[in-house]
Amino acid sequence: MSTQEKQQSSQLVRGFEPYKESKGEEYMGAPMRKHFSLLLQKWKLELMQGVDQTVDHMKDEAANFPDPADRASQEEEFALELRNRDRERKLIKKIDKTLQLIEDEDYGWCKDCGVEIGIRRLEARPTADQCFDCKTLAEIKEKQVGK
């Protein structure tokens, strides 16, 4: 894939078109599933490109500085980048799991109560697996147990 293609693909993720429902359209029918599948695939591609950029950056910037403070700064920068990439790696796994849900036609419904999660919530967080109410309750419970 050329650099221009990568940039265009990346721009599509950031500037995606919100889904426009047809009158009387079935929730999570084929067109809607296709929309979210494409959105997730583009997001995954963007994350994977970030991983490649990090590897290239670390190779290019790796230096053995004689000054311990410079060496420590570089190590801290690399550690931060690696932590971010680890989070993104976990997100890529979650995206893959979500793409499988779409393929299995189980995407878009709350895993706890079974209601529709909703198109706008899914566009804001395509990997969401709980409706707004169940997610809110889960966060409240987490705060109570965490104290």
N, C-alpha and C. Protein backbone atom coordinates (compact mmCIF):
# COMPACT_ATOMS: atom_id res chain seq x y z
N MET A 1 0.86 -1.18 0.00
CA MET A 1 0.00 0.00 0.00
C MET A 1 0.90 1.24 0.00
N SER A 2 0.61 2.16 -0.89
CA SER A 2 1.42 3.37 -0.99
C SER A 2 1.14 4.30 0.18
N THR A 3 2.04 5.25 0.38
CA THR A 3 1.86 6.24 1.46
C THR A 3 0.58 7.02 1.26
N GLN A 4 0.30 7.38 0.02
CA GLN A 4 -0.92 8.14 -0.27
C GLN A 4 -2.16 7.31 0.07
N GLU A 5 -2.14 6.03 -0.27
CA GLU A 5 -3.28 5.16 0.05
C GLU A 5 -3.46 5.05 1.56
N LYS A 6 -2.33 4.94 2.28
CA LYS A 6 -2.40 4.85 3.75
C LYS A 6 -3.00 6.12 4.33
N GLN A 7 -2.58 7.28 3.81
CA GLN A 7 -3.11 8.55 4.30
C GLN A 7 -4.59 8.67 4.00
N GLN A 8 -5.01 8.26 2.80
CA GLN A 8 -6.43 8.33 2.45
C GLN A 8 -7.23 7.40 3.34
N SER A 9 -6.71 6.20 3.56
CA SER A 9 -7.40 5.25 4.42
C SER A 9 -7.53 5.80 5.83
N SER A 10 -6.44 6.38 6.33
CA SER A 10 -6.45 6.96 7.67
C SER A 10 -7.44 8.10 7.77
N GLN A 11 -7.54 8.91 6.73
CA GLN A 11 -8.47 10.03 6.73
C GLN A 11 -9.91 9.52 6.74
N LEU A 12 -10.16 8.39 6.11
CA LEU A 12 -11.51 7.86 6.09
C LEU A 12 -11.97 7.45 7.48
N VAL A 13 -11.06 6.95 8.31
CA VAL A 13 -11.42 6.56 9.66
C VAL A 13 -11.81 7.79 10.46
N ARG A 14 -10.99 8.81 10.37
CA ARG A 14 -11.26 10.01 11.15
C ARG A 14 -12.48 10.75 10.62
N GLY A 15 -12.67 10.74 9.32
CA GLY A 15 -13.77 11.50 8.73
C GLY A 15 -14.85 10.60 8.16
N PHE A 16 -15.23 9.56 8.89
CA PHE A 16 -16.21 8.62 8.37
C PHE A 16 -17.58 9.28 8.24
N GLU A 17 -18.37 8.72 7.37
CA GLU A 17 -19.73 9.21 7.17
C GLU A 17 -20.66 8.50 8.16
N PRO A 18 -21.42 9.23 8.96
CA PRO A 18 -22.40 8.58 9.85
C PRO A 18 -23.41 7.78 9.03
N TYR A 19 -23.86 6.71 9.59
CA TYR A 19 -24.81 5.84 8.90
C TYR A 19 -26.15 6.55 8.78
N LYS A 20 -26.71 6.50 7.59
CA LYS A 20 -28.04 7.08 7.35
C LYS A 20 -29.03 5.94 7.15
N GLU A 21 -29.92 5.82 8.11
CA GLU A 21 -30.90 4.75 8.07
C GLU A 21 -31.97 5.03 7.02
N SER A 22 -32.42 3.98 6.38
CA SER A 22 -33.56 4.09 5.47
C SER A 22 -34.83 3.93 6.29
N LYS A 23 -35.90 4.50 5.81
CA LYS A 23 -37.17 4.39 6.52
C LYS A 23 -37.58 2.92 6.61
N GLY A 24 -37.87 2.49 7.81
CA GLY A 24 -38.31 1.11 8.04
C GLY A 24 -37.18 0.09 7.99
N GLU A 25 -35.93 0.54 7.98
CA GLU A 25 -34.80 -0.38 7.88
C GLU A 25 -34.66 -1.21 9.15
N GLU A 26 -34.34 -2.47 8.97
CA GLU A 26 -34.14 -3.39 10.08
C GLU A 26 -32.83 -3.04 10.81
N TYR A 27 -32.89 -3.03 12.15
CA TYR A 27 -31.69 -2.78 12.94
C TYR A 27 -30.70 -3.90 12.72
N MET A 28 -29.48 -3.54 12.43
CA MET A 28 -28.35 -4.44 12.16
C MET A 28 -28.62 -5.40 11.00
N GLY A 29 -29.27 -4.86 9.99
CA GLY A 29 -29.40 -5.60 8.74
C GLY A 29 -28.07 -5.56 8.01
N ALA A 30 -28.01 -6.17 6.85
CA ALA A 30 -26.76 -6.27 6.09
C ALA A 30 -26.09 -4.92 5.81
N PRO A 31 -26.83 -3.87 5.38
CA PRO A 31 -26.15 -2.60 5.12
C PRO A 31 -25.52 -1.98 6.38
N MET A 32 -26.21 -2.10 7.50
CA MET A 32 -25.70 -1.55 8.75
C MET A 32 -24.47 -2.33 9.22
N ARG A 33 -24.52 -3.65 9.12
CA ARG A 33 -23.38 -4.47 9.51
C ARG A 33 -22.17 -4.15 8.63
N LYS A 34 -22.43 -3.94 7.34
CA LYS A 34 -21.34 -3.61 6.42
C LYS A 34 -20.70 -2.27 6.83
N HIS A 35 -21.53 -1.29 7.18
CA HIS A 35 -21.03 0.02 7.61
C HIS A 35 -20.08 -0.13 8.80
N PHE A 36 -20.50 -0.88 9.81
CA PHE A 36 -19.67 -1.03 11.01
C PHE A 36 -18.45 -1.90 10.75
N SER A 37 -18.59 -2.88 9.88
CA SER A 37 -17.44 -3.71 9.53
C SER A 37 -16.36 -2.87 8.86
N LEU A 38 -16.76 -2.03 7.92
CA LEU A 38 -15.79 -1.15 7.24
C LEU A 38 -15.16 -0.17 8.23
N LEU A 39 -15.97 0.39 9.11
CA LEU A 39 -15.48 1.33 10.11
C LEU A 39 -14.42 0.67 10.99
N LEU A 40 -14.71 -0.53 11.46
CA LEU A 40 -13.78 -1.26 12.33
C LEU A 40 -12.51 -1.66 11.58
N GLN A 41 -12.65 -2.09 10.34
CA GLN A 41 -11.47 -2.49 9.56
C GLN A 41 -10.55 -1.29 9.32
N LYS A 42 -11.13 -0.14 9.04
CA LYS A 42 -10.33 1.07 8.83
C LYS A 42 -9.64 1.50 10.12
N TRP A 43 -10.35 1.40 11.22
CA TRP A 43 -9.79 1.74 12.52
C TRP A 43 -8.61 0.82 12.84
N LYS A 44 -8.80 -0.47 12.59
CA LYS A 44 -7.74 -1.45 12.82
C LYS A 44 -6.52 -1.13 11.96
N LEU A 45 -6.74 -0.80 10.70
CA LEU A 45 -5.64 -0.45 9.79
C LEU A 45 -4.87 0.76 10.32
N GLU A 46 -5.60 1.74 10.79
CA GLU A 46 -4.96 2.94 11.34
C GLU A 46 -4.10 2.60 12.55
N LEU A 47 -4.60 1.75 13.42
CA LEU A 47 -3.84 1.33 14.60
C LEU A 47 -2.59 0.56 14.20
N MET A 48 -2.73 -0.32 13.23
CA MET A 48 -1.59 -1.12 12.78
C MET A 48 -0.53 -0.24 12.12
N GLN A 49 -0.94 0.79 11.43
CA GLN A 49 0.02 1.73 10.84
C GLN A 49 0.77 2.46 11.94
N GLY A 50 0.09 2.77 13.02
CA GLY A 50 0.74 3.41 14.17
C GLY A 50 1.81 2.52 14.78
N VAL A 51 1.55 1.22 14.82
CA VAL A 51 2.53 0.27 15.33
C VAL A 51 3.77 0.29 14.44
N ASP A 52 3.55 0.26 13.13
CA ASP A 52 4.67 0.30 12.19
C ASP A 52 5.49 1.58 12.36
N GLN A 53 4.81 2.70 12.55
CA GLN A 53 5.50 3.98 12.73
C GLN A 53 6.33 3.98 14.01
N THR A 54 5.80 3.37 15.06
CA THR A 54 6.54 3.30 16.32
C THR A 54 7.81 2.49 16.15
N VAL A 55 7.70 1.35 15.49
CA VAL A 55 8.88 0.51 15.27
C VAL A 55 9.92 1.27 14.46
N ASP A 56 9.49 1.92 13.39
CA ASP A 56 10.42 2.71 12.57
C ASP A 56 11.05 3.83 13.39
N HIS A 57 10.23 4.52 14.18
CA HIS A 57 10.73 5.62 15.00
C HIS A 57 11.77 5.13 16.00
N MET A 58 11.48 4.01 16.64
CA MET A 58 12.40 3.50 17.65
C MET A 58 13.71 3.05 17.00
N LYS A 59 13.64 2.48 15.81
CA LYS A 59 14.87 2.08 15.10
C LYS A 59 15.69 3.31 14.73
N ASP A 60 15.00 4.33 14.21
CA ASP A 60 15.68 5.55 13.76
C ASP A 60 16.27 6.34 14.91
N GLU A 61 15.55 6.37 16.03
CA GLU A 61 15.95 7.22 17.15
C GLU A 61 16.86 6.52 18.16
N ALA A 62 16.99 5.20 18.02
CA ALA A 62 17.81 4.46 18.99
C ALA A 62 19.25 4.93 18.91
N ALA A 63 19.73 5.37 20.03
CA ALA A 63 21.12 5.84 20.10
C ALA A 63 21.65 5.54 21.50
N ASN A 64 22.91 5.36 21.57
CA ASN A 64 23.53 5.12 22.86
C ASN A 64 24.14 6.44 23.32
N PHE A 65 23.34 7.23 24.01
CA PHE A 65 23.80 8.52 24.47
C PHE A 65 24.83 8.36 25.59
N PRO A 66 25.92 9.12 25.52
CA PRO A 66 26.91 9.04 26.61
C PRO A 66 26.38 9.66 27.90
N ASP A 67 25.49 10.63 27.78
CA ASP A 67 24.95 11.30 28.96
C ASP A 67 23.81 10.46 29.56
N PRO A 68 23.92 10.08 30.82
CA PRO A 68 22.88 9.24 31.44
C PRO A 68 21.49 9.90 31.42
N ALA A 69 21.41 11.21 31.54
CA ALA A 69 20.11 11.89 31.53
C ALA A 69 19.46 11.78 30.15
N ASP A 70 20.25 11.92 29.09
CA ASP A 70 19.72 11.77 27.73
C ASP A 70 19.25 10.34 27.49
N ARG A 71 20.05 9.39 27.97
CA ARG A 71 19.70 7.98 27.80
C ARG A 71 18.40 7.67 28.55
N ALA A 72 18.27 8.20 29.76
CA ALA A 72 17.06 7.98 30.57
C ALA A 72 15.84 8.61 29.91
N SER A 73 16.00 9.79 29.34
CA SER A 73 14.88 10.45 28.64
C SER A 73 14.41 9.62 27.46
N GLN A 74 15.38 9.10 26.70
CA GLN A 74 15.02 8.28 25.54
C GLN A 74 14.33 6.99 25.98
N GLU A 75 14.84 6.37 27.01
CA GLU A 75 14.23 5.13 27.51
C GLU A 75 12.80 5.39 28.00
N GLU A 76 12.60 6.51 28.66
CA GLU A 76 11.26 6.86 29.14
C GLU A 76 10.31 7.10 27.97
N GLU A 77 10.79 7.78 26.94
CA GLU A 77 9.99 8.03 25.74
C GLU A 77 9.60 6.71 25.08
N PHE A 78 10.56 5.81 24.95
CA PHE A 78 10.29 4.51 24.33
C PHE A 78 9.31 3.69 25.19
N ALA A 79 9.47 3.75 26.52
CA ALA A 79 8.57 3.01 27.41
C ALA A 79 7.14 3.52 27.27
N LEU A 80 6.98 4.84 27.16
CA LEU A 80 5.65 5.42 26.98
C LEU A 80 5.05 4.99 25.64
N GLU A 81 5.85 5.02 24.59
CA GLU A 81 5.36 4.58 23.28
C GLU A 81 4.94 3.11 23.31
N LEU A 82 5.75 2.29 23.98
CA LEU A 82 5.43 0.86 24.04
C LEU A 82 4.15 0.61 24.86
N ARG A 83 3.94 1.38 25.93
CA ARG A 83 2.70 1.24 26.70
C ARG A 83 1.49 1.60 25.85
N ASN A 84 1.63 2.69 25.07
CA ASN A 84 0.54 3.09 24.18
C ASN A 84 0.28 2.01 23.14
N ARG A 85 1.31 1.45 22.58
CA ARG A 85 1.15 0.40 21.56
C ARG A 85 0.54 -0.85 22.17
N ASP A 86 0.87 -1.14 23.44
CA ASP A 86 0.27 -2.30 24.09
C ASP A 86 -1.23 -2.11 24.24
N ARG A 87 -1.64 -0.89 24.61
CA ARG A 87 -3.07 -0.59 24.69
C ARG A 87 -3.73 -0.76 23.32
N GLU A 88 -3.04 -0.28 22.29
CA GLU A 88 -3.59 -0.39 20.94
C GLU A 88 -3.64 -1.85 20.49
N ARG A 89 -2.66 -2.66 20.90
CA ARG A 89 -2.67 -4.09 20.58
C ARG A 89 -3.92 -4.75 21.18
N LYS A 90 -4.22 -4.39 22.43
CA LYS A 90 -5.42 -4.92 23.07
C LYS A 90 -6.68 -4.45 22.35
N LEU A 91 -6.67 -3.21 21.90
CA LEU A 91 -7.81 -2.68 21.15
C LEU A 91 -7.97 -3.40 19.83
N ILE A 92 -6.87 -3.72 19.17
CA ILE A 92 -6.94 -4.48 17.91
C ILE A 92 -7.59 -5.84 18.16
N LYS A 93 -7.24 -6.49 19.27
CA LYS A 93 -7.88 -7.77 19.61
C LYS A 93 -9.39 -7.58 19.81
N LYS A 94 -9.76 -6.49 20.47
CA LYS A 94 -11.17 -6.21 20.70
C LYS A 94 -11.89 -5.92 19.38
N ILE A 95 -11.21 -5.23 18.48
CA ILE A 95 -11.79 -4.97 17.15
C ILE A 95 -12.00 -6.29 16.41
N ASP A 96 -11.01 -7.18 16.48
CA ASP A 96 -11.15 -8.49 15.83
C ASP A 96 -12.34 -9.27 16.40
N LYS A 97 -12.50 -9.21 17.72
CA LYS A 97 -13.63 -9.88 18.37
C LYS A 97 -14.95 -9.27 17.89
N THR A 98 -14.98 -7.95 17.77
CA THR A 98 -16.18 -7.26 17.32
C THR A 98 -16.49 -7.58 15.86
N LEU A 99 -15.46 -7.66 15.02
CA LEU A 99 -15.67 -8.05 13.62
C LEU A 99 -16.25 -9.46 13.53
N GLN A 100 -15.82 -10.33 14.43
CA GLN A 100 -16.39 -11.69 14.45
C GLN A 100 -17.87 -11.65 14.85
N LEU A 101 -18.21 -10.77 15.81
CA LEU A 101 -19.62 -10.62 16.20
C LEU A 101 -20.47 -10.16 15.02
N ILE A 102 -19.91 -9.25 14.22
CA ILE A 102 -20.63 -8.76 13.05
C ILE A 102 -20.84 -9.91 12.07
N GLU A 103 -19.78 -10.68 11.84
CA GLU A 103 -19.87 -11.81 10.92
C GLU A 103 -20.90 -12.84 11.40
N ASP A 104 -20.96 -13.03 12.72
CA ASP A 104 -21.91 -13.99 13.31
C ASP A 104 -23.31 -13.40 13.47
N GLU A 105 -23.48 -12.13 13.08
CA GLU A 105 -24.74 -11.39 13.19
C GLU A 105 -25.21 -11.27 14.64
N ASP A 106 -24.25 -11.13 15.56
CA ASP A 106 -24.55 -10.93 16.98
C ASP A 106 -24.16 -9.53 17.45
N TYR A 107 -23.84 -8.66 16.53
CA TYR A 107 -23.35 -7.33 16.85
C TYR A 107 -24.50 -6.34 17.01
N GLY A 108 -24.35 -5.44 17.98
CA GLY A 108 -25.30 -4.34 18.13
C GLY A 108 -26.29 -4.50 19.26
N TRP A 109 -26.25 -5.64 19.95
CA TRP A 109 -27.16 -5.85 21.07
C TRP A 109 -26.36 -5.96 22.35
N CYS A 110 -26.93 -5.44 23.42
CA CYS A 110 -26.29 -5.43 24.73
C CYS A 110 -26.07 -6.86 25.21
N LYS A 111 -24.85 -7.15 25.66
CA LYS A 111 -24.53 -8.50 26.14
C LYS A 111 -25.22 -8.81 27.46
N ASP A 112 -25.64 -7.76 28.20
CA ASP A 112 -26.26 -7.97 29.51
C ASP A 112 -27.79 -8.08 29.44
N CYS A 113 -28.42 -7.14 28.72
CA CYS A 113 -29.89 -7.11 28.73
C CYS A 113 -30.51 -7.44 27.37
N GLY A 114 -29.71 -7.45 26.31
CA GLY A 114 -30.21 -7.85 25.00
C GLY A 114 -30.88 -6.77 24.18
N VAL A 115 -30.94 -5.53 24.67
CA VAL A 115 -31.57 -4.46 23.89
C VAL A 115 -30.58 -3.92 22.86
N GLU A 116 -31.11 -3.19 21.88
CA GLU A 116 -30.26 -2.56 20.87
C GLU A 116 -29.35 -1.55 21.55
N ILE A 117 -28.08 -1.59 21.19
CA ILE A 117 -27.12 -0.63 21.74
C ILE A 117 -27.36 0.73 21.12
N GLY A 118 -27.69 0.77 19.87
CA GLY A 118 -27.98 2.02 19.18
C GLY A 118 -26.86 2.42 18.24
N ILE A 119 -27.26 2.91 17.09
CA ILE A 119 -26.30 3.24 16.03
C ILE A 119 -25.33 4.33 16.47
N ARG A 120 -25.82 5.39 17.05
CA ARG A 120 -24.94 6.52 17.40
C ARG A 120 -23.93 6.13 18.49
N ARG A 121 -24.36 5.34 19.45
CA ARG A 121 -23.42 4.86 20.48
C ARG A 121 -22.36 3.97 19.83
N LEU A 122 -22.76 3.12 18.91
CA LEU A 122 -21.80 2.25 18.24
C LEU A 122 -20.85 3.03 17.34
N GLU A 123 -21.34 4.11 16.76
CA GLU A 123 -20.43 4.93 15.94
C GLU A 123 -19.43 5.66 16.83
N ALA A 124 -19.86 6.04 18.03
CA ALA A 124 -18.94 6.70 18.97
C ALA A 124 -17.94 5.70 19.53
N ARG A 125 -18.39 4.47 19.78
CA ARG A 125 -17.53 3.41 20.32
C ARG A 125 -17.91 2.10 19.64
N PRO A 126 -17.35 1.84 18.46
CA PRO A 126 -17.76 0.66 17.67
C PRO A 126 -17.57 -0.69 18.37
N THR A 127 -16.72 -0.73 19.39
CA THR A 127 -16.51 -1.99 20.09
C THR A 127 -17.41 -2.14 21.31
N ALA A 128 -18.33 -1.22 21.51
CA ALA A 128 -19.23 -1.28 22.67
C ALA A 128 -20.03 -2.57 22.63
N ASP A 129 -20.16 -3.21 23.79
CA ASP A 129 -20.96 -4.42 23.86
C ASP A 129 -22.05 -4.33 24.94
N GLN A 130 -22.23 -3.11 25.47
CA GLN A 130 -23.29 -2.85 26.44
C GLN A 130 -24.06 -1.60 26.03
N CYS A 131 -25.36 -1.61 26.33
CA CYS A 131 -26.15 -0.41 26.09
C CYS A 131 -25.73 0.65 27.12
N PHE A 132 -26.18 1.86 26.91
CA PHE A 132 -25.80 2.96 27.78
C PHE A 132 -26.16 2.68 29.24
N ASP A 133 -27.37 2.20 29.48
CA ASP A 133 -27.83 1.95 30.85
C ASP A 133 -27.00 0.89 31.56
N CYS A 134 -26.75 -0.23 30.88
CA CYS A 134 -25.96 -1.31 31.49
C CYS A 134 -24.51 -0.87 31.74
N LYS A 135 -23.95 -0.10 30.82
CA LYS A 135 -22.59 0.40 30.99
C LYS A 135 -22.53 1.36 32.19
N THR A 136 -23.54 2.21 32.32
CA THR A 136 -23.59 3.14 33.45
C THR A 136 -23.66 2.37 34.77
N LEU A 137 -24.53 1.37 34.83
CA LEU A 137 -24.64 0.55 36.05
C LEU A 137 -23.33 -0.17 36.35
N ALA A 138 -22.67 -0.69 35.32
CA ALA A 138 -21.40 -1.39 35.53
C ALA A 138 -20.34 -0.44 36.09
N GLU A 139 -20.32 0.79 35.59
CA GLU A 139 -19.35 1.77 36.09
C GLU A 139 -19.65 2.16 37.53
N ILE A 140 -20.92 2.29 37.88
CA ILE A 140 -21.31 2.61 39.26
C ILE A 140 -20.87 1.48 40.20
N LYS A 141 -21.15 0.24 39.79
CA LYS A 141 -20.75 -0.92 40.60
C LYS A 141 -19.23 -0.97 40.76
N GLU A 142 -18.52 -0.69 39.68
CA GLU A 142 -17.05 -0.70 39.73
C GLU A 142 -16.52 0.32 40.72
N LYS A 143 -17.14 1.51 40.74
CA LYS A 143 -16.71 2.55 41.67
C LYS A 143 -16.99 2.13 43.12
N GLN A 144 -18.13 1.48 43.35
CA GLN A 144 -18.49 1.06 44.71
C GLN A 144 -17.57 -0.05 45.21
N VAL A 145 -17.25 -0.97 44.34
CA VAL A 145 -16.39 -2.09 44.74
C VAL A 145 -14.95 -1.61 44.88
N GLY A 146 -14.55 -0.65 44.05
CA GLY A 146 -13.19 -0.14 44.06
C GLY A 146 -12.82 0.65 45.29
N LYS A 147 -13.79 1.07 46.08
CA LYS A 147 -13.49 1.90 47.27
C LYS A 147 -13.03 1.10 48.44
